[in-house]
Structure formats: structure tokens, C-alpha cells
Amino acid sequence: WGVRKAAAESLVGLAMALRVDSRTEPFVPLMNDLLKDLSRWVRMSALQQLGYFVASQEASERVPPGMLTQYVEIIEQSKANTDAADMSFHCAYTFAAVAKTVGPAQWPALQAPFASLCRDTPLKTRRAMAASMHVVALALGPELAEVEVLPQFEALLQDSALEVRQAALRNVAAFLVAAPTAGARGRVLRL
């Protein structure tokens, strides 16, 4: 199982070394096998790499629908299992890249997990979300960003943890570029 676990951990790096049009065919079946492996350790490593792998595909049409569904399920399951804080962090860390890869057409599938990660109990998960809100806003476009991302961004700017607020504050300008409406600008600058 050790070799398969190492394969799961290095799969994204190997995929990224190839041209983007060469990443799907050989690696999607391999990732699916690793996600179903008999060893819990191999499965956990593959699950931790899933967001990175989805993002490595760089376009929605290259991401198998089942893989996005599994990514969303990981987020939901990490909420039910308090021991899965690391999994929640990995998902938060890759969320913006996944949203950018799959685009606004897949937002309905990502909407609830997005809100869940933004309100997650572990500070490091909320900090990762706060640091990448501008990328999510950019991926969704100005209208969706104002309606869907802005309320969560406002909440993170007022988070009880200083580290989360600082991560959000570092990206206010980038967020306003991604969501350039007067309403969004007024709401953020009032905080």
C-alpha cells in the first residue's frame, strides 16, 4: 500500500508535468482506482489530492462529473466527521482552483460546500477560504460574485479570528476587481 499511497501523493505533480490535453486520459482512471483502493491510507491520500487533481485539468470539460461529485461529497463528509479537519482544509485550499476550473456552470454543485467551508470550525479552513475569495469571485463573474461570494466574504472580514480577517483583508482590492459593481464596493468598504 505504501507504493500506491506514494502514487496518489505524486499523481498531480506528474500530471502537471504534461501538456494539459495529455492529463485526462492516462490519469483519470488511475485517480479513480486510487480513490477506491482497499487501503484506507491510499484512499485518504487520493482524497486529499482530489481538488488538486480536478484543478490540474484546467477546463470543465476535462473533469469527469463523478470526480466533481466526489469532491463535493468529501466536503460534506468532513463536516460529519470531526476527525476530518485536515480533509476540510485540503478542500478549502483547493476550492478556488476547482471553482476556476469548472466555472460558473458548475456553481450549483459547489454552492453549498462553499458556504460550508466558509463557516467551518477549524480556523485554518476559514483562513484558506478567506485568502482565495477573490479567485472564486473572478471564476464566477461579477453578478454571481456579488450575490453568492460577497456575503461569505463579508462574514470572513468580520470573523472572530484575527488570522481569518487578515487573510480576507489582504485580498480586498483583488476581490473588488473581481466583483466591480458599485453595490459590492459599497458593502465591502463599509466594513
N, C-alpha and C. Protein backbone atom coordinates (compact mmCIF):
# COMPACT_ATOMS: atom_id res chain seq x y z
N TRP A 1 0.81 -1.20 0.00
CA TRP A 1 0.00 0.00 0.00
C TRP A 1 0.85 1.26 0.00
N GLY A 2 2.07 1.16 0.48
CA GLY A 2 2.96 2.31 0.54
C GLY A 2 3.28 2.89 -0.83
N VAL A 3 3.47 2.02 -1.80
CA VAL A 3 3.77 2.49 -3.16
C VAL A 3 2.54 3.16 -3.76
N ARG A 4 1.35 2.57 -3.53
CA ARG A 4 0.12 3.18 -4.05
C ARG A 4 -0.16 4.52 -3.38
N LYS A 5 0.14 4.63 -2.10
CA LYS A 5 -0.04 5.89 -1.38
C LYS A 5 0.90 6.95 -1.97
N ALA A 6 2.14 6.57 -2.23
CA ALA A 6 3.11 7.49 -2.85
C ALA A 6 2.64 7.89 -4.26
N ALA A 7 2.03 6.95 -4.98
CA ALA A 7 1.50 7.26 -6.31
C ALA A 7 0.39 8.30 -6.20
N ALA A 8 -0.48 8.14 -5.21
CA ALA A 8 -1.56 9.12 -5.01
C ALA A 8 -1.00 10.50 -4.70
N GLU A 9 0.05 10.53 -3.90
CA GLU A 9 0.64 11.81 -3.50
C GLU A 9 1.41 12.49 -4.62
N SER A 10 1.88 11.74 -5.59
CA SER A 10 2.68 12.33 -6.67
C SER A 10 1.94 12.43 -8.00
N LEU A 11 0.72 11.96 -8.05
CA LEU A 11 -0.03 11.93 -9.31
C LEU A 11 -0.24 13.33 -9.89
N VAL A 12 -0.60 14.29 -9.05
CA VAL A 12 -0.85 15.65 -9.54
C VAL A 12 0.42 16.26 -10.10
N GLY A 13 1.53 16.10 -9.42
CA GLY A 13 2.80 16.64 -9.91
C GLY A 13 3.17 16.06 -11.26
N LEU A 14 2.95 14.77 -11.41
CA LEU A 14 3.24 14.12 -12.69
C LEU A 14 2.30 14.64 -13.77
N ALA A 15 1.02 14.76 -13.45
CA ALA A 15 0.06 15.26 -14.43
C ALA A 15 0.42 16.68 -14.86
N MET A 16 0.84 17.51 -13.91
CA MET A 16 1.18 18.89 -14.22
C MET A 16 2.42 19.01 -15.11
N ALA A 17 3.24 17.98 -15.13
CA ALA A 17 4.43 17.99 -15.98
C ALA A 17 4.08 17.75 -17.45
N LEU A 18 2.86 17.29 -17.71
CA LEU A 18 2.43 17.01 -19.08
C LEU A 18 1.62 18.18 -19.63
N ARG A 19 1.47 18.19 -20.96
CA ARG A 19 0.58 19.17 -21.57
C ARG A 19 -0.83 18.93 -21.06
N VAL A 20 -1.61 19.98 -20.96
CA VAL A 20 -2.95 19.87 -20.38
C VAL A 20 -3.84 18.88 -21.13
N ASP A 21 -3.68 18.79 -22.44
CA ASP A 21 -4.51 17.86 -23.21
C ASP A 21 -4.08 16.40 -23.04
N SER A 22 -2.97 16.17 -22.36
CA SER A 22 -2.49 14.81 -22.11
C SER A 22 -2.74 14.35 -20.67
N ARG A 23 -3.44 15.14 -19.87
CA ARG A 23 -3.60 14.82 -18.45
C ARG A 23 -4.80 13.93 -18.15
N THR A 24 -5.83 14.01 -18.94
CA THR A 24 -7.07 13.33 -18.60
C THR A 24 -6.99 11.83 -18.85
N GLU A 25 -6.66 11.47 -20.06
CA GLU A 25 -6.71 10.05 -20.48
C GLU A 25 -5.94 9.10 -19.58
N PRO A 26 -4.68 9.34 -19.31
CA PRO A 26 -3.97 8.33 -18.51
C PRO A 26 -4.23 8.45 -17.00
N PHE A 27 -4.60 9.65 -16.53
CA PHE A 27 -4.62 9.86 -15.09
C PHE A 27 -5.99 9.73 -14.43
N VAL A 28 -7.06 10.01 -15.15
CA VAL A 28 -8.39 9.89 -14.53
C VAL A 28 -8.67 8.46 -14.09
N PRO A 29 -8.43 7.45 -14.92
CA PRO A 29 -8.66 6.08 -14.44
C PRO A 29 -7.76 5.71 -13.24
N LEU A 30 -6.53 6.18 -13.27
CA LEU A 30 -5.61 5.91 -12.16
C LEU A 30 -6.10 6.56 -10.87
N MET A 31 -6.54 7.82 -10.95
CA MET A 31 -7.06 8.51 -9.77
C MET A 31 -8.31 7.80 -9.25
N ASN A 32 -9.18 7.38 -10.16
CA ASN A 32 -10.38 6.64 -9.74
C ASN A 32 -10.02 5.35 -9.01
N ASP A 33 -9.02 4.65 -9.51
CA ASP A 33 -8.57 3.42 -8.84
C ASP A 33 -8.02 3.72 -7.45
N LEU A 34 -7.25 4.78 -7.33
CA LEU A 34 -6.68 5.15 -6.04
C LEU A 34 -7.76 5.57 -5.04
N LEU A 35 -8.80 6.22 -5.53
CA LEU A 35 -9.91 6.64 -4.67
C LEU A 35 -10.72 5.45 -4.15
N LYS A 36 -10.62 4.31 -4.86
CA LYS A 36 -11.36 3.10 -4.46
C LYS A 36 -10.44 2.04 -3.87
N ASP A 37 -9.21 2.36 -3.62
CA ASP A 37 -8.23 1.40 -3.14
C ASP A 37 -8.69 0.74 -1.83
N LEU A 38 -8.23 -0.48 -1.61
CA LEU A 38 -8.59 -1.22 -0.40
C LEU A 38 -7.95 -0.62 0.86
N SER A 39 -6.82 0.01 0.71
CA SER A 39 -6.11 0.59 1.84
C SER A 39 -6.71 1.96 2.19
N ARG A 40 -7.04 2.12 3.45
CA ARG A 40 -7.58 3.40 3.93
C ARG A 40 -6.56 4.53 3.71
N TRP A 41 -5.28 4.24 3.91
CA TRP A 41 -4.23 5.25 3.76
C TRP A 41 -4.10 5.72 2.32
N VAL A 42 -4.23 4.81 1.39
CA VAL A 42 -4.17 5.17 -0.03
C VAL A 42 -5.38 6.03 -0.39
N ARG A 43 -6.57 5.60 0.05
CA ARG A 43 -7.79 6.36 -0.23
C ARG A 43 -7.70 7.78 0.36
N MET A 44 -7.22 7.89 1.58
CA MET A 44 -7.11 9.20 2.22
C MET A 44 -6.14 10.11 1.45
N SER A 45 -5.03 9.55 1.01
CA SER A 45 -4.08 10.35 0.22
C SER A 45 -4.70 10.79 -1.09
N ALA A 46 -5.41 9.89 -1.74
CA ALA A 46 -6.07 10.24 -3.01
C ALA A 46 -7.15 11.29 -2.78
N LEU A 47 -7.90 11.16 -1.70
CA LEU A 47 -8.94 12.16 -1.40
C LEU A 47 -8.32 13.53 -1.14
N GLN A 48 -7.19 13.55 -0.44
CA GLN A 48 -6.51 14.83 -0.18
C GLN A 48 -6.01 15.47 -1.46
N GLN A 49 -5.72 14.68 -2.46
CA GLN A 49 -5.20 15.19 -3.73
C GLN A 49 -6.29 15.49 -4.75
N LEU A 50 -7.53 15.12 -4.46
CA LEU A 50 -8.59 15.22 -5.46
C LEU A 50 -8.81 16.64 -5.97
N GLY A 51 -8.87 17.62 -5.08
CA GLY A 51 -9.07 19.01 -5.51
C GLY A 51 -7.94 19.48 -6.40
N TYR A 52 -6.71 19.13 -6.03
CA TYR A 52 -5.55 19.49 -6.85
C TYR A 52 -5.66 18.84 -8.23
N PHE A 53 -6.11 17.58 -8.24
CA PHE A 53 -6.23 16.85 -9.50
C PHE A 53 -7.29 17.47 -10.39
N VAL A 54 -8.45 17.81 -9.82
CA VAL A 54 -9.51 18.46 -10.60
C VAL A 54 -8.97 19.75 -11.19
N ALA A 55 -8.29 20.55 -10.39
CA ALA A 55 -7.74 21.83 -10.86
C ALA A 55 -6.69 21.61 -11.96
N SER A 56 -5.96 20.52 -11.90
CA SER A 56 -4.93 20.26 -12.91
C SER A 56 -5.51 20.04 -14.30
N GLN A 57 -6.80 19.74 -14.37
CA GLN A 57 -7.44 19.50 -15.68
C GLN A 57 -7.67 20.81 -16.44
N GLU A 58 -7.72 21.94 -15.73
CA GLU A 58 -7.76 23.29 -16.28
C GLU A 58 -8.96 23.65 -17.14
N ALA A 59 -9.93 22.76 -17.30
CA ALA A 59 -11.15 23.09 -18.05
C ALA A 59 -12.26 22.15 -17.62
N SER A 60 -13.44 22.68 -17.54
CA SER A 60 -14.59 21.92 -17.04
C SER A 60 -14.84 20.64 -17.84
N GLU A 61 -14.70 20.73 -19.15
CA GLU A 61 -14.99 19.55 -19.99
C GLU A 61 -14.01 18.41 -19.77
N ARG A 62 -12.87 18.65 -19.17
CA ARG A 62 -11.90 17.59 -18.88
C ARG A 62 -12.14 16.92 -17.53
N VAL A 63 -13.00 17.52 -16.70
CA VAL A 63 -13.26 16.99 -15.36
C VAL A 63 -14.45 16.05 -15.43
N PRO A 64 -14.23 14.77 -15.15
CA PRO A 64 -15.36 13.85 -15.15
C PRO A 64 -16.38 14.26 -14.08
N PRO A 65 -17.67 14.24 -14.41
CA PRO A 65 -18.70 14.67 -13.46
C PRO A 65 -18.62 13.91 -12.12
N GLY A 66 -18.31 12.65 -12.17
CA GLY A 66 -18.21 11.87 -10.94
C GLY A 66 -17.11 12.36 -10.02
N MET A 67 -16.06 12.92 -10.60
CA MET A 67 -14.95 13.41 -9.79
C MET A 67 -15.34 14.68 -9.04
N LEU A 68 -16.08 15.57 -9.70
CA LEU A 68 -16.57 16.77 -9.03
C LEU A 68 -17.56 16.39 -7.93
N THR A 69 -18.40 15.43 -8.21
CA THR A 69 -19.36 14.94 -7.21
C THR A 69 -18.62 14.39 -6.00
N GLN A 70 -17.58 13.65 -6.23
CA GLN A 70 -16.81 13.08 -5.12
C GLN A 70 -16.13 14.18 -4.30
N TYR A 71 -15.63 15.21 -4.97
CA TYR A 71 -15.02 16.34 -4.27
C TYR A 71 -16.05 17.00 -3.34
N VAL A 72 -17.24 17.22 -3.85
CA VAL A 72 -18.32 17.82 -3.05
C VAL A 72 -18.68 16.90 -1.87
N GLU A 73 -18.73 15.61 -2.12
CA GLU A 73 -19.06 14.66 -1.04
C GLU A 73 -17.99 14.65 0.05
N ILE A 74 -16.74 14.83 -0.32
CA ILE A 74 -15.67 14.89 0.68
C ILE A 74 -15.92 16.05 1.63
N ILE A 75 -16.31 17.18 1.08
CA ILE A 75 -16.57 18.36 1.91
C ILE A 75 -17.73 18.07 2.86
N GLU A 76 -18.79 17.48 2.34
CA GLU A 76 -19.95 17.17 3.18
C GLU A 76 -19.59 16.15 4.26
N GLN A 77 -18.82 15.15 3.91
CA GLN A 77 -18.44 14.12 4.88
C GLN A 77 -17.49 14.65 5.95
N SER A 78 -16.66 15.61 5.58
CA SER A 78 -15.72 16.16 6.57
C SER A 78 -16.47 16.95 7.64
N LYS A 79 -17.65 17.42 7.34
CA LYS A 79 -18.46 18.12 8.34
C LYS A 79 -19.03 17.13 9.36
N ALA A 80 -19.37 15.95 8.90
CA ALA A 80 -19.95 14.93 9.79
C ALA A 80 -18.89 14.27 10.66
N ASN A 81 -17.63 14.34 10.24
CA ASN A 81 -16.55 13.67 10.95
C ASN A 81 -15.58 14.72 11.49
N THR A 82 -15.62 14.94 12.78
CA THR A 82 -14.76 15.97 13.38
C THR A 82 -13.27 15.62 13.26
N ASP A 83 -12.95 14.37 13.00
CA ASP A 83 -11.55 13.98 12.82
C ASP A 83 -11.03 14.32 11.42
N ALA A 84 -11.90 14.83 10.56
CA ALA A 84 -11.52 15.08 9.17
C ALA A 84 -11.17 16.55 8.92
N ALA A 85 -10.68 17.25 9.93
CA ALA A 85 -10.33 18.66 9.77
C ALA A 85 -9.29 18.86 8.68
N ASP A 86 -8.33 17.94 8.58
CA ASP A 86 -7.33 18.05 7.52
C ASP A 86 -7.95 17.95 6.14
N MET A 87 -8.92 17.06 5.98
CA MET A 87 -9.59 16.90 4.69
C MET A 87 -10.33 18.19 4.34
N SER A 88 -10.98 18.78 5.31
CA SER A 88 -11.69 20.04 5.12
C SER A 88 -10.71 21.13 4.68
N PHE A 89 -9.54 21.17 5.30
CA PHE A 89 -8.53 22.16 4.93
C PHE A 89 -8.05 21.95 3.49
N HIS A 90 -7.79 20.71 3.11
CA HIS A 90 -7.36 20.43 1.73
C HIS A 90 -8.41 20.90 0.74
N CYS A 91 -9.66 20.66 1.06
CA CYS A 91 -10.75 21.09 0.17
C CYS A 91 -10.82 22.61 0.10
N ALA A 92 -10.66 23.28 1.25
CA ALA A 92 -10.69 24.75 1.27
C ALA A 92 -9.50 25.31 0.49
N TYR A 93 -8.36 24.69 0.66
CA TYR A 93 -7.14 25.17 0.00
C TYR A 93 -7.27 25.07 -1.53
N THR A 94 -8.00 24.08 -2.01
CA THR A 94 -8.12 23.88 -3.46
C THR A 94 -9.43 24.40 -4.03
N PHE A 95 -10.33 24.88 -3.17
CA PHE A 95 -11.67 25.24 -3.63
C PHE A 95 -11.63 26.26 -4.77
N ALA A 96 -10.87 27.33 -4.62
CA ALA A 96 -10.84 28.38 -5.64
C ALA A 96 -10.35 27.83 -6.98
N ALA A 97 -9.34 26.98 -6.94
CA ALA A 97 -8.82 26.40 -8.19
C ALA A 97 -9.85 25.47 -8.83
N VAL A 98 -10.57 24.73 -8.00
CA VAL A 98 -11.63 23.86 -8.53
C VAL A 98 -12.73 24.71 -9.15
N ALA A 99 -13.16 25.77 -8.44
CA ALA A 99 -14.20 26.66 -8.97
C ALA A 99 -13.76 27.30 -10.29
N LYS A 100 -12.51 27.70 -10.35
CA LYS A 100 -11.97 28.31 -11.57
C LYS A 100 -11.96 27.29 -12.71
N THR A 101 -11.61 26.06 -12.41
CA THR A 101 -11.56 25.02 -13.44
C THR A 101 -12.93 24.67 -13.97
N VAL A 102 -13.90 24.48 -13.10
CA VAL A 102 -15.22 24.02 -13.55
C VAL A 102 -16.13 25.17 -13.96
N GLY A 103 -15.84 26.39 -13.51
CA GLY A 103 -16.57 27.57 -13.96
C GLY A 103 -17.95 27.74 -13.37
N PRO A 104 -18.62 28.83 -13.77
CA PRO A 104 -19.92 29.16 -13.19
C PRO A 104 -21.02 28.14 -13.51
N ALA A 105 -20.87 27.40 -14.59
CA ALA A 105 -21.90 26.42 -14.94
C ALA A 105 -22.04 25.34 -13.86
N GLN A 106 -20.97 25.06 -13.14
CA GLN A 106 -21.00 24.03 -12.09
C GLN A 106 -21.22 24.62 -10.69
N TRP A 107 -21.48 25.93 -10.62
CA TRP A 107 -21.65 26.56 -9.32
C TRP A 107 -22.76 25.93 -8.48
N PRO A 108 -23.90 25.53 -9.06
CA PRO A 108 -24.93 24.90 -8.22
C PRO A 108 -24.40 23.72 -7.41
N ALA A 109 -23.47 22.97 -7.95
CA ALA A 109 -22.90 21.83 -7.21
C ALA A 109 -21.94 22.30 -6.12
N LEU A 110 -21.31 23.45 -6.32
CA LEU A 110 -20.30 23.94 -5.37
C LEU A 110 -20.85 24.94 -4.35
N GLN A 111 -22.04 25.42 -4.56
CA GLN A 111 -22.61 26.49 -3.74
C GLN A 111 -22.70 26.13 -2.25
N ALA A 112 -23.32 25.01 -1.93
CA ALA A 112 -23.46 24.61 -0.52
C ALA A 112 -22.10 24.26 0.11
N PRO A 113 -21.24 23.51 -0.57
CA PRO A 113 -19.91 23.25 0.01
C PRO A 113 -19.11 24.53 0.24
N PHE A 114 -19.26 25.50 -0.64
CA PHE A 114 -18.57 26.78 -0.48
C PHE A 114 -18.99 27.45 0.83
N ALA A 115 -20.28 27.55 1.04
CA ALA A 115 -20.78 28.18 2.27
C ALA A 115 -20.34 27.38 3.50
N SER A 116 -20.36 26.09 3.38
CA SER A 116 -19.97 25.22 4.50
C SER A 116 -18.50 25.43 4.87
N LEU A 117 -17.63 25.50 3.88
CA LEU A 117 -16.20 25.70 4.15
C LEU A 117 -15.95 27.09 4.74
N CYS A 118 -16.70 28.08 4.29
CA CYS A 118 -16.52 29.44 4.82
C CYS A 118 -16.93 29.54 6.29
N ARG A 119 -17.81 28.65 6.74
CA ARG A 119 -18.27 28.67 8.13
C ARG A 119 -17.67 27.54 8.96
N ASP A 120 -16.72 26.84 8.41
CA ASP A 120 -16.15 25.67 9.08
C ASP A 120 -15.50 26.07 10.41
N THR A 121 -15.50 25.15 11.34
CA THR A 121 -14.96 25.43 12.67
C THR A 121 -13.44 25.63 12.67
N PRO A 122 -12.64 24.76 12.03
CA PRO A 122 -11.20 24.97 12.08
C PRO A 122 -10.78 26.29 11.44
N LEU A 123 -9.99 27.04 12.16
CA LEU A 123 -9.51 28.33 11.72
C LEU A 123 -8.76 28.22 10.39
N LYS A 124 -7.94 27.19 10.24
CA LYS A 124 -7.12 27.09 9.02
C LYS A 124 -7.98 26.90 7.77
N THR A 125 -9.14 26.29 7.92
CA THR A 125 -10.06 26.13 6.79
C THR A 125 -10.65 27.47 6.39
N ARG A 126 -11.14 28.23 7.38
CA ARG A 126 -11.71 29.55 7.09
C ARG A 126 -10.65 30.50 6.55
N ARG A 127 -9.42 30.41 7.07
CA ARG A 127 -8.33 31.25 6.59
C ARG A 127 -8.03 30.94 5.12
N ALA A 128 -8.01 29.69 4.76
CA ALA A 128 -7.76 29.31 3.36
C ALA A 128 -8.86 29.85 2.45
N MET A 129 -10.09 29.79 2.91
CA MET A 129 -11.20 30.33 2.11
C MET A 129 -11.09 31.85 2.00
N ALA A 130 -10.78 32.52 3.10
CA ALA A 130 -10.66 33.98 3.10
C ALA A 130 -9.57 34.43 2.13
N ALA A 131 -8.49 33.70 2.07
CA ALA A 131 -7.36 34.07 1.23
C ALA A 131 -7.64 33.89 -0.26
N SER A 132 -8.67 33.15 -0.60
CA SER A 132 -8.91 32.86 -2.02
C SER A 132 -10.29 33.30 -2.52
N MET A 133 -10.99 34.11 -1.76
CA MET A 133 -12.33 34.56 -2.18
C MET A 133 -12.30 35.32 -3.50
N HIS A 134 -11.25 36.09 -3.72
CA HIS A 134 -11.17 36.86 -4.96
C HIS A 134 -11.06 35.95 -6.18
N VAL A 135 -10.43 34.80 -6.03
CA VAL A 135 -10.31 33.86 -7.15
C VAL A 135 -11.67 33.23 -7.45
N VAL A 136 -12.41 32.89 -6.39
CA VAL A 136 -13.76 32.34 -6.58
C VAL A 136 -14.64 33.39 -7.26
N ALA A 137 -14.56 34.64 -6.79
CA ALA A 137 -15.36 35.72 -7.39
C ALA A 137 -15.01 35.90 -8.86
N LEU A 138 -13.74 35.86 -9.18
CA LEU A 138 -13.29 36.00 -10.56
C LEU A 138 -13.80 34.85 -11.42
N ALA A 139 -13.78 33.64 -10.87
CA ALA A 139 -14.24 32.46 -11.61
C ALA A 139 -15.73 32.52 -11.91
N LEU A 140 -16.49 33.13 -11.02
CA LEU A 140 -17.95 33.16 -11.18
C LEU A 140 -18.46 34.35 -11.98
N GLY A 141 -17.68 35.41 -12.05
CA GLY A 141 -18.13 36.61 -12.75
C GLY A 141 -18.79 37.58 -11.78
N PRO A 142 -18.91 38.85 -12.17
CA PRO A 142 -19.37 39.89 -11.26
C PRO A 142 -20.76 39.67 -10.65
N GLU A 143 -21.71 39.23 -11.45
CA GLU A 143 -23.08 39.09 -10.93
C GLU A 143 -23.16 37.99 -9.86
N LEU A 144 -22.67 36.82 -10.18
CA LEU A 144 -22.68 35.72 -9.20
C LEU A 144 -21.80 36.04 -8.00
N ALA A 145 -20.70 36.71 -8.25
CA ALA A 145 -19.79 37.07 -7.15
C ALA A 145 -20.51 37.96 -6.14
N GLU A 146 -21.27 38.92 -6.63
CA GLU A 146 -21.97 39.82 -5.71
C GLU A 146 -23.05 39.09 -4.91
N VAL A 147 -23.76 38.20 -5.56
CA VAL A 147 -24.86 37.50 -4.90
C VAL A 147 -24.38 36.35 -4.02
N GLU A 148 -23.42 35.58 -4.51
CA GLU A 148 -23.02 34.34 -3.84
C GLU A 148 -21.76 34.46 -2.97
N VAL A 149 -20.77 35.18 -3.45
CA VAL A 149 -19.47 35.22 -2.77
C VAL A 149 -19.40 36.38 -1.77
N LEU A 150 -19.95 37.50 -2.14
CA LEU A 150 -19.85 38.69 -1.29
C LEU A 150 -20.37 38.47 0.14
N PRO A 151 -21.53 37.84 0.35
CA PRO A 151 -21.98 37.63 1.74
C PRO A 151 -20.99 36.81 2.57
N GLN A 152 -20.38 35.80 1.97
CA GLN A 152 -19.40 34.98 2.69
C GLN A 152 -18.12 35.78 2.94
N PHE A 153 -17.73 36.60 1.96
CA PHE A 153 -16.54 37.44 2.12
C PHE A 153 -16.75 38.44 3.26
N GLU A 154 -17.93 39.03 3.31
CA GLU A 154 -18.25 39.97 4.40
C GLU A 154 -18.14 39.27 5.76
N ALA A 155 -18.67 38.06 5.83
CA ALA A 155 -18.61 37.31 7.09
C ALA A 155 -17.17 37.01 7.49
N LEU A 156 -16.34 36.67 6.51
CA LEU A 156 -14.93 36.38 6.81
C LEU A 156 -14.16 37.63 7.19
N LEU A 157 -14.55 38.77 6.65
CA LEU A 157 -13.92 40.04 7.04
C LEU A 157 -14.24 40.41 8.49
N GLN A 158 -15.33 39.82 9.01
CA GLN A 158 -15.75 40.09 10.39
C GLN A 158 -15.58 38.86 11.28
N ASP A 159 -14.81 37.89 10.83
CA ASP A 159 -14.60 36.64 11.58
C ASP A 159 -14.01 36.94 12.96
N SER A 160 -14.29 36.07 13.90
CA SER A 160 -13.78 36.25 15.26
C SER A 160 -12.26 36.05 15.33
N ALA A 161 -11.69 35.33 14.38
CA ALA A 161 -10.25 35.05 14.40
C ALA A 161 -9.48 36.09 13.58
N LEU A 162 -8.49 36.67 14.19
CA LEU A 162 -7.67 37.70 13.55
C LEU A 162 -7.03 37.18 12.26
N GLU A 163 -6.51 35.95 12.28
CA GLU A 163 -5.84 35.38 11.09
C GLU A 163 -6.78 35.30 9.89
N VAL A 164 -8.03 34.99 10.14
CA VAL A 164 -9.02 34.90 9.06
C VAL A 164 -9.30 36.30 8.52
N ARG A 165 -9.51 37.25 9.40
CA ARG A 165 -9.76 38.64 8.97
C ARG A 165 -8.58 39.17 8.17
N GLN A 166 -7.36 38.90 8.62
CA GLN A 166 -6.18 39.37 7.91
C GLN A 166 -6.07 38.76 6.51
N ALA A 167 -6.37 37.46 6.40
CA ALA A 167 -6.33 36.80 5.09
C ALA A 167 -7.34 37.42 4.14
N ALA A 168 -8.52 37.75 4.65
CA ALA A 168 -9.54 38.40 3.83
C ALA A 168 -9.12 39.82 3.46
N LEU A 169 -8.59 40.55 4.44
CA LEU A 169 -8.19 41.95 4.20
C LEU A 169 -7.10 42.07 3.15
N ARG A 170 -6.19 41.09 3.10
CA ARG A 170 -5.10 41.13 2.12
C ARG A 170 -5.63 41.09 0.68
N ASN A 171 -6.87 40.64 0.52
CA ASN A 171 -7.40 40.45 -0.83
C ASN A 171 -8.61 41.31 -1.15
N VAL A 172 -8.84 42.36 -0.37
CA VAL A 172 -9.99 43.23 -0.63
C VAL A 172 -9.88 43.86 -2.01
N ALA A 173 -8.73 44.40 -2.36
CA ALA A 173 -8.57 45.06 -3.66
C ALA A 173 -8.81 44.06 -4.80
N ALA A 174 -8.23 42.88 -4.70
CA ALA A 174 -8.42 41.86 -5.74
C ALA A 174 -9.88 41.43 -5.82
N PHE A 175 -10.55 41.36 -4.67
CA PHE A 175 -11.96 40.99 -4.66
C PHE A 175 -12.79 42.06 -5.38
N LEU A 176 -12.50 43.31 -5.11
CA LEU A 176 -13.26 44.39 -5.74
C LEU A 176 -13.01 44.46 -7.25
N VAL A 177 -11.86 44.03 -7.70
CA VAL A 177 -11.60 43.93 -9.14
C VAL A 177 -12.47 42.81 -9.73
N ALA A 178 -12.61 41.72 -9.00
CA ALA A 178 -13.39 40.58 -9.49
C ALA A 178 -14.89 40.83 -9.40
N ALA A 179 -15.30 41.63 -8.43
CA ALA A 179 -16.72 41.97 -8.25
C ALA A 179 -16.84 43.50 -8.28
N PRO A 180 -16.75 44.09 -9.47
CA PRO A 180 -16.59 45.55 -9.57
C PRO A 180 -17.88 46.37 -9.45
N THR A 181 -18.98 45.77 -9.08
CA THR A 181 -20.22 46.55 -9.03
C THR A 181 -20.18 47.56 -7.88
N ALA A 182 -20.94 48.62 -8.03
CA ALA A 182 -20.99 49.66 -7.01
C ALA A 182 -21.54 49.10 -5.69
N GLY A 183 -22.49 48.18 -5.79
CA GLY A 183 -23.07 47.57 -4.58
C GLY A 183 -22.04 46.79 -3.80
N ALA A 184 -21.24 46.00 -4.51
CA ALA A 184 -20.20 45.21 -3.84
C ALA A 184 -19.16 46.13 -3.23
N ARG A 185 -18.74 47.12 -3.97
CA ARG A 185 -17.73 48.05 -3.48
C ARG A 185 -18.24 48.75 -2.21
N GLY A 186 -19.47 49.24 -2.24
CA GLY A 186 -20.04 49.92 -1.09
C GLY A 186 -20.14 49.02 0.14
N ARG A 187 -20.57 47.78 -0.07
CA ARG A 187 -20.73 46.86 1.06
C ARG A 187 -19.39 46.50 1.70
N VAL A 188 -18.38 46.26 0.87
CA VAL A 188 -17.07 45.88 1.40
C VAL A 188 -16.39 47.06 2.09
N LEU A 189 -16.46 48.22 1.48
CA LEU A 189 -15.77 49.37 2.03
C LEU A 189 -16.45 49.90 3.30
N ARG A 190 -17.72 49.58 3.51
CA ARG A 190 -18.41 49.96 4.74
C ARG A 190 -17.88 49.19 5.94
N LEU A 191 -17.35 48.00 5.68
CA LEU A 191 -16.84 47.17 6.77
C LEU A 191 -15.56 47.79 7.27
